[in-house]
C-alpha atoms as a PDB file:
ATOM      1  CA  MET A   1      13.855   8.850  27.458  1.00  0.00           C
ATOM      2  CA  SER A   2      16.435   6.125  26.861  1.00  0.00           C
ATOM      3  CA  PRO A   3      15.834   2.806  25.150  1.00  0.00           C
ATOM      4  CA  ASP A   4      15.596  -0.367  27.210  1.00  0.00           C
ATOM      5  CA  ASP A   5      18.182  -3.118  26.736  1.00  0.00           C
ATOM      6  CA  ASP A   6      16.199  -4.534  23.797  1.00  0.00           C
ATOM      7  CA  GLY A   7      16.159  -1.145  22.047  1.00  0.00           C
ATOM      8  CA  ALA A   8      12.485  -0.450  22.747  1.00  0.00           C
ATOM      9  CA  LEU A   9      11.340   2.762  24.357  1.00  0.00           C
ATOM     10  CA  PRO A  10       9.361   2.323  27.582  1.00  0.00           C
ATOM     11  CA  VAL A  11       5.635   2.923  27.129  1.00  0.00           C
ATOM     12  CA  SER A  12       3.969   5.292  29.567  1.00  0.00           C
ATOM     13  CA  ALA A  13       0.254   5.072  30.295  1.00  0.00           C
ATOM     14  CA  GLY A  14      -1.620   7.397  27.945  1.00  0.00           C
ATOM     15  CA  ARG A  15       1.492   8.279  25.945  1.00  0.00           C
ATOM     16  CA  PRO A  16       2.320   6.683  22.582  1.00  0.00           C
ATOM     17  CA  ALA A  17       5.547   4.776  22.141  1.00  0.00           C
ATOM     18  CA  GLY A  18       6.358   6.723  18.970  1.00  0.00           C
ATOM     19  CA  VAL A  19       5.662   3.829  16.605  1.00  0.00           C
ATOM     20  CA  CYS A  20       3.239   5.883  14.495  1.00  0.00           C
ATOM     21  CA  TYR A  21       5.846   8.612  14.099  1.00  0.00           C
ATOM     22  CA  LEU A  22       8.546   6.101  13.155  1.00  0.00           C
ATOM     23  CA  ILE A  23       6.285   4.413  10.608  1.00  0.00           C
ATOM     24  CA  GLY A  24       5.502   7.831   9.128  1.00  0.00           C
ATOM     25  CA  ARG A  25       9.200   8.641   8.827  1.00  0.00           C
ATOM     26  CA  LEU A  26       9.850   5.185   7.392  1.00  0.00           C
ATOM     27  CA  HIS A  27       7.108   5.695   4.803  1.00  0.00           C
ATOM     28  CA  HIS A  28       8.587   9.042   3.793  1.00  0.00           C
ATOM     29  CA  ALA A  29      12.171   7.751   3.593  1.00  0.00           C
ATOM     30  CA  LEU A  30      11.203   4.579   1.772  1.00  0.00           C
ATOM     31  CA  GLY A  31       9.094   6.465  -0.747  1.00  0.00           C
ATOM     32  CA  ARG A  32      12.010   8.743  -1.477  1.00  0.00           C
ATOM     33  CA  ARG A  33      14.485   5.855  -1.906  1.00  0.00           C
ATOM     34  CA  MET A  34      12.022   3.930  -4.100  1.00  0.00           C
ATOM     35  CA  ARG A  35      11.524   6.994  -6.315  1.00  0.00           C
ATOM     36  CA  ASP A  36      15.312   7.292  -6.648  1.00  0.00           C
ATOM     37  CA  ALA A  37      15.674   3.586  -7.499  1.00  0.00           C
ATOM     38  CA  LEU A  38      12.844   3.516 -10.047  1.00  0.00           C
ATOM     39  CA  ALA A  39      13.377   6.875 -11.767  1.00  0.00           C
ATOM     40  CA  PRO A  40      16.116   5.613 -14.135  1.00  0.00           C
ATOM     41  CA  LEU A  41      13.588   3.077 -15.454  1.00  0.00           C
ATOM     42  CA  GLY A  42      10.965   5.758 -16.063  1.00  0.00           C
ATOM     43  CA  LEU A  43       8.737   4.240 -13.380  1.00  0.00           C
ATOM     44  CA  SER A  44       6.951   5.938 -10.522  1.00  0.00           C
ATOM     45  CA  VAL A  45       6.360   4.150  -7.215  1.00  0.00           C
ATOM     46  CA  ALA A  46       2.637   3.970  -8.013  1.00  0.00           C
ATOM     47  CA  GLN A  47       3.351   2.431 -11.438  1.00  0.00           C
ATOM     48  CA  TYR A  48       5.684  -0.109  -9.845  1.00  0.00           C
ATOM     49  CA  THR A  49       2.957  -0.982  -7.348  1.00  0.00           C
ATOM     50  CA  VAL A  50       0.432  -1.470 -10.150  1.00  0.00           C
ATOM     51  CA  LEU A  51       2.797  -3.590 -12.262  1.00  0.00           C
ATOM     52  CA  SER A  52       3.684  -5.692  -9.208  1.00  0.00           C
ATOM     53  CA  PHE A  53       0.041  -6.212  -8.438  1.00  0.00           C
ATOM     54  CA  LEU A  54      -0.806  -7.125 -12.038  1.00  0.00           C
ATOM     55  CA  GLU A  55       2.056  -9.632 -12.039  1.00  0.00           C
ATOM     56  CA  GLY A  56       0.155 -11.777  -9.555  1.00  0.00           C
ATOM     57  CA  GLN A  57      -3.269 -11.438 -11.204  1.00  0.00           C
ATOM     58  CA  VAL A  58      -4.765 -13.146 -14.202  1.00  0.00           C
ATOM     59  CA  GLN A  59      -6.698  -9.987 -14.999  1.00  0.00           C
ATOM     60  CA  ILE A  60      -8.253  -7.211 -12.919  1.00  0.00           C
ATOM     61  CA  SER A  61     -10.557  -4.268 -13.502  1.00  0.00           C
ATOM     62  CA  ASN A  62      -9.485  -0.644 -13.175  1.00  0.00           C
ATOM     63  CA  ALA A  63     -11.775  -0.177 -10.149  1.00  0.00           C
ATOM     64  CA  GLN A  64     -10.265  -3.194  -8.383  1.00  0.00           C
ATOM     65  CA  LEU A  65      -6.780  -1.967  -9.224  1.00  0.00           C
ATOM     66  CA  ALA A  66      -7.510   1.498  -7.794  1.00  0.00           C
ATOM     67  CA  GLU A  67      -8.811   0.000  -4.579  1.00  0.00           C
ATOM     68  CA  ARG A  68      -5.864  -2.332  -4.130  1.00  0.00           C
ATOM     69  CA  SER A  69      -3.162   0.173  -5.097  1.00  0.00           C
ATOM     70  CA  LEU A  70      -4.538   2.897  -2.814  1.00  0.00           C
ATOM     71  CA  VAL A  71      -5.236   5.504  -5.472  1.00  0.00           C
ATOM     72  CA  SER A  72      -8.460   7.058  -6.714  1.00  0.00           C
ATOM     73  CA  PRO A  73     -10.185   5.444  -9.704  1.00  0.00           C
ATOM     74  CA  GLN A  74      -9.391   8.592 -11.737  1.00  0.00           C
ATOM     75  CA  SER A  75      -5.676   8.387 -10.848  1.00  0.00           C
ATOM     76  CA  ALA A  76      -5.614   4.679 -11.600  1.00  0.00           C
ATOM     77  CA  ASN A  77      -7.266   5.291 -14.973  1.00  0.00           C
ATOM     78  CA  GLU A  78      -4.701   7.956 -15.951  1.00  0.00           C
ATOM     79  CA  MET A  79      -1.836   5.746 -14.777  1.00  0.00           C
ATOM     80  CA  VAL A  80      -3.169   2.784 -16.758  1.00  0.00           C
ATOM     81  CA  LYS A  81      -3.497   4.928 -19.893  1.00  0.00           C
ATOM     82  CA  THR A  82       0.144   5.997 -19.521  1.00  0.00           C
ATOM     83  CA  MET A  83       1.331   2.432 -18.930  1.00  0.00           C
ATOM     84  CA  GLU A  84      -0.738   1.166 -21.855  1.00  0.00           C
ATOM     85  CA  ALA A  85       0.831   3.810 -24.110  1.00  0.00           C
ATOM     86  CA  ARG A  86       4.257   2.560 -22.997  1.00  0.00           C
ATOM     87  CA  GLY A  87       3.239  -1.015 -23.819  1.00  0.00           C
ATOM     88  CA  TRP A  88       3.388  -2.291 -20.221  1.00  0.00           C
ATOM     89  CA  VAL A  89      -0.325  -2.972 -19.708  1.00  0.00           C
ATOM     90  CA  SER A  90      -3.097  -4.336 -21.916  1.00  0.00           C
ATOM     91  CA  ARG A  91      -6.767  -3.435 -21.617  1.00  0.00           C
ATOM     92  CA  GLN A  92      -9.465  -5.772 -22.893  1.00  0.00           C
ATOM     93  CA  PRO A  93     -13.241  -5.751 -22.495  1.00  0.00           C
ATOM     94  CA  ASP A  94     -14.587  -8.199 -19.933  1.00  0.00           C
ATOM     95  CA  PRO A  95     -16.659 -10.811 -21.794  1.00  0.00           C
ATOM     96  CA  GLY A  96     -19.198 -10.919 -18.956  1.00  0.00           C
ATOM     97  CA  HIS A  97     -19.639  -7.181 -18.438  1.00  0.00           C
ATOM     98  CA  GLY A  98     -19.915  -4.705 -21.294  1.00  0.00           C
ATOM     99  CA  ARG A  99     -18.550  -1.716 -19.369  1.00  0.00           C
ATOM    100  CA  VAL A 100     -15.783  -3.478 -17.413  1.00  0.00           C
ATOM    101  CA  VAL A 101     -12.255  -3.394 -18.835  1.00  0.00           C
ATOM    102  CA  ARG A 102      -9.794  -6.064 -17.712  1.00  0.00           C
ATOM    103  CA  LEU A 103      -6.149  -5.139 -17.239  1.00  0.00           C
ATOM    104  CA  GLY A 104      -3.190  -7.407 -17.816  1.00  0.00           C
ATOM    105  CA  LEU A 105       0.601  -7.220 -17.830  1.00  0.00           C
ATOM    106  CA  THR A 106       2.270  -7.379 -21.256  1.00  0.00           C
ATOM    107  CA  ALA A 107       5.647  -8.951 -22.035  1.00  0.00           C
ATOM    108  CA  ALA A 108       7.172  -5.445 -22.065  1.00  0.00           C
ATOM    109  CA  GLY A 109       5.537  -4.779 -18.702  1.00  0.00           C
ATOM    110  CA  ARG A 110       7.008  -7.987 -17.285  1.00  0.00           C
ATOM    111  CA  ALA A 111      10.471  -7.012 -18.561  1.00  0.00           C
ATOM    112  CA  GLN A 112      10.154  -3.534 -17.035  1.00  0.00           C
ATOM    113  CA  LEU A 113       8.962  -5.043 -13.777  1.00  0.00           C
ATOM    114  CA  ALA A 114      11.857  -7.518 -13.676  1.00  0.00           C
ATOM    115  CA  GLN A 115      14.327  -4.606 -13.880  1.00  0.00           C
ATOM    116  CA  ALA A 116      12.424  -2.752 -11.165  1.00  0.00           C
ATOM    117  CA  HIS A 117      12.360  -5.831  -8.920  1.00  0.00           C
ATOM    118  CA  VAL A 118      16.172  -5.993  -9.082  1.00  0.00           C
ATOM    119  CA  ARG A 119      16.449  -2.369  -7.964  1.00  0.00           C
ATOM    120  CA  ILE A 120      13.855  -2.714  -5.194  1.00  0.00           C
ATOM    121  CA  SER A 121      15.457  -5.973  -4.006  1.00  0.00           C
ATOM    122  CA  ARG A 122      18.762  -4.117  -3.601  1.00  0.00           C
ATOM    123  CA  LEU A 123      16.977  -1.375  -1.687  1.00  0.00           C
ATOM    124  CA  GLU A 124      15.305  -3.925   0.614  1.00  0.00           C
ATOM    125  CA  ALA A 125      18.597  -5.723   1.208  1.00  0.00           C
ATOM    126  CA  HIS A 126      20.245  -2.468   2.247  1.00  0.00           C
ATOM    127  CA  MET A 127      17.266  -1.381   4.339  1.00  0.00           C
ATOM    128  CA  LEU A 128      17.163  -4.687   6.235  1.00  0.00           C
ATOM    129  CA  GLY A 129      20.934  -5.176   6.357  1.00  0.00           C
ATOM    130  CA  ARG A 130      21.252  -4.372  10.063  1.00  0.00           C
ATOM    131  CA  LEU A 131      18.545  -6.817  11.098  1.00  0.00           C
ATOM    132  CA  SER A 132      19.295 -10.376  12.135  1.00  0.00           C
ATOM    133  CA  GLU A 133      17.982 -13.202   9.993  1.00  0.00           C
ATOM    134  CA  THR A 134      15.307 -13.836  12.636  1.00  0.00           C
ATOM    135  CA  GLN A 135      14.237 -10.184  12.601  1.00  0.00           C
ATOM    136  CA  ARG A 136      14.126 -10.117   8.778  1.00  0.00           C
ATOM    137  CA  GLY A 137      11.991 -13.255   8.788  1.00  0.00           C
ATOM    138  CA  ALA A 138       9.574 -11.900  11.410  1.00  0.00           C
ATOM    139  CA  LEU A 139       9.170  -8.417   9.932  1.00  0.00           C
ATOM    140  CA  PRO A 140       6.705  -9.188   7.083  1.00  0.00           C
ATOM    141  CA  LYS A 141       4.427 -11.152   9.428  1.00  0.00           C
ATOM    142  CA  THR A 142       4.567  -8.407  12.047  1.00  0.00           C
ATOM    143  CA  LEU A 143       3.781  -5.709   9.493  1.00  0.00           C
ATOM    144  CA  ARG A 144       0.858  -7.756   8.126  1.00  0.00           C
ATOM    145  CA  GLU A 145      -0.545  -8.104  11.656  1.00  0.00           C
ATOM    146  CA  VAL A 146      -0.291  -4.334  12.171  1.00  0.00           C
ATOM    147  CA  LEU A 147      -1.976  -3.750   8.816  1.00  0.00           C
ATOM    148  CA  HIS A 148      -4.772  -6.212   9.664  1.00  0.00           C
ATOM    149  CA  ALA A 149      -5.370  -4.436  12.978  1.00  0.00           C
ATOM    150  CA  LEU A 150      -5.673  -1.065  11.221  1.00  0.00           C
ATOM    151  CA  SER A 151      -7.837  -2.556   8.464  1.00  0.00           C
ATOM    152  CA  ALA A 152     -10.194  -3.945  11.092  1.00  0.00           C
ATOM    153  CA  MET A 153     -10.832  -0.380  12.222  1.00  0.00           C
ATOM    154  CA  ILE A 154     -12.016   0.522   8.716  1.00  0.00           C
ATOM    155  CA  ILE A 155     -14.383  -2.425   8.605  1.00  0.00           C
ATOM    156  CA  ASP A 156     -15.645  -2.062  12.191  1.00  0.00           C
ATOM    157  CA  PRO A 157     -16.708   1.513  13.056  1.00  0.00           C
ATOM    158  CA  VAL A 158     -17.355   0.502  16.669  1.00  0.00           C
ATOM    159  CA  LEU A 159     -13.758  -0.665  17.025  1.00  0.00           C
ATOM    160  CA  ALA A 160     -12.490   2.506  15.348  1.00  0.00           C
ATOM    161  CA  ALA A 161     -14.545   4.645  17.733  1.00  0.00           C
ATOM    162  CA  GLU A 162     -13.312   2.647  20.705  1.00  0.00           C
ATOM    163  CA  VAL A 163      -9.691   3.182  19.670  1.00  0.00           C
ATOM    164  CA  SER A 164     -10.150   6.889  18.913  1.00  0.00           C
ATOM    165  CA  GLY A 165     -12.323   7.544  21.962  1.00  0.00           C
ATOM    166  CA  ASP A 166     -15.210   8.838  19.818  1.00  0.00           C
ATOM    167  CA  GLU A 167     -18.743   7.600  19.450  1.00  0.00           C
ATOM    168  CA  PRO A 168     -19.217   5.178  16.548  1.00  0.00           C
ATOM    169  CA  PHE A 169     -20.643   6.552  13.304  1.00  0.00           C
ATOM    170  CA  THR A 170     -23.612   4.992  11.577  1.00  0.00           C
ATOM    171  CA  GLU A 171     -25.004   5.738   8.130  1.00  0.00           C
ATOM    172  CA  ARG A 172     -24.512   9.155   6.603  1.00  0.00           C
ATOM    173  CA  LYS A 173     -27.576  11.356   6.490  1.00  0.00           C
ATOM    174  CA  LYS A 174     -28.653  13.002   3.255  1.00  0.00           C
ATOM    175  CA  THR A 175     -26.667  16.062   4.335  1.00  0.00           C
ATOM    176  CA  GLY A 176     -23.470  14.059   3.899  1.00  0.00           C
ATOM    177  CA  LYS A 177     -22.545  14.495   7.541  1.00  0.00           C
ATOM    178  CA  PRO A 178     -21.959  11.387   9.646  1.00  0.00           C
ATOM    179  CA  ALA A 179     -24.852  10.413  11.881  1.00  0.00           C
ATOM    180  CA  ARG A 180     -23.959   9.352  15.409  1.00  0.00           C
ATOM    181  CA  LYS A 181     -25.280   6.122  16.913  1.00  0.00           C
ATOM    182  CA  ALA A 182     -27.743   6.575  19.731  1.00  0.00           C
END
């Protein structure tokens, strides 16, 4: 199959255009390059994600952080302990909830993040270097729209079933197996 004049592959009925595969390869390649860029700073990609997220928050709980950084609460807790030991993150009890701990970025964490941002900015510039200014400007919006479409499938089981061709799932029975809608 050869690309059309605009570089896009023609889409056949019932056959994917290969976008999922390309995004998967992109995810793999980007993860690898990010690991390479962040390793000299002693940062993992997950730690960079957490520090970046904390940069934009006043304070956040560990559970909220886990949800937003796409890791399990246990993984988030271990990561936070490591980053706290390195002086990048502070943990303080929430005044309104006795068991909730609020996380914040320390001055050392902000300094570490600033160095990481420089490295990731260079990576992004190289990665997007072949795109026109118009394409670079449109890419974040396009990716957000794709993400919103996929997120809608998580929220709406009927939509997810429609897309996958399955019957929608309802509540889980006590057995733990999904119950099918009648």
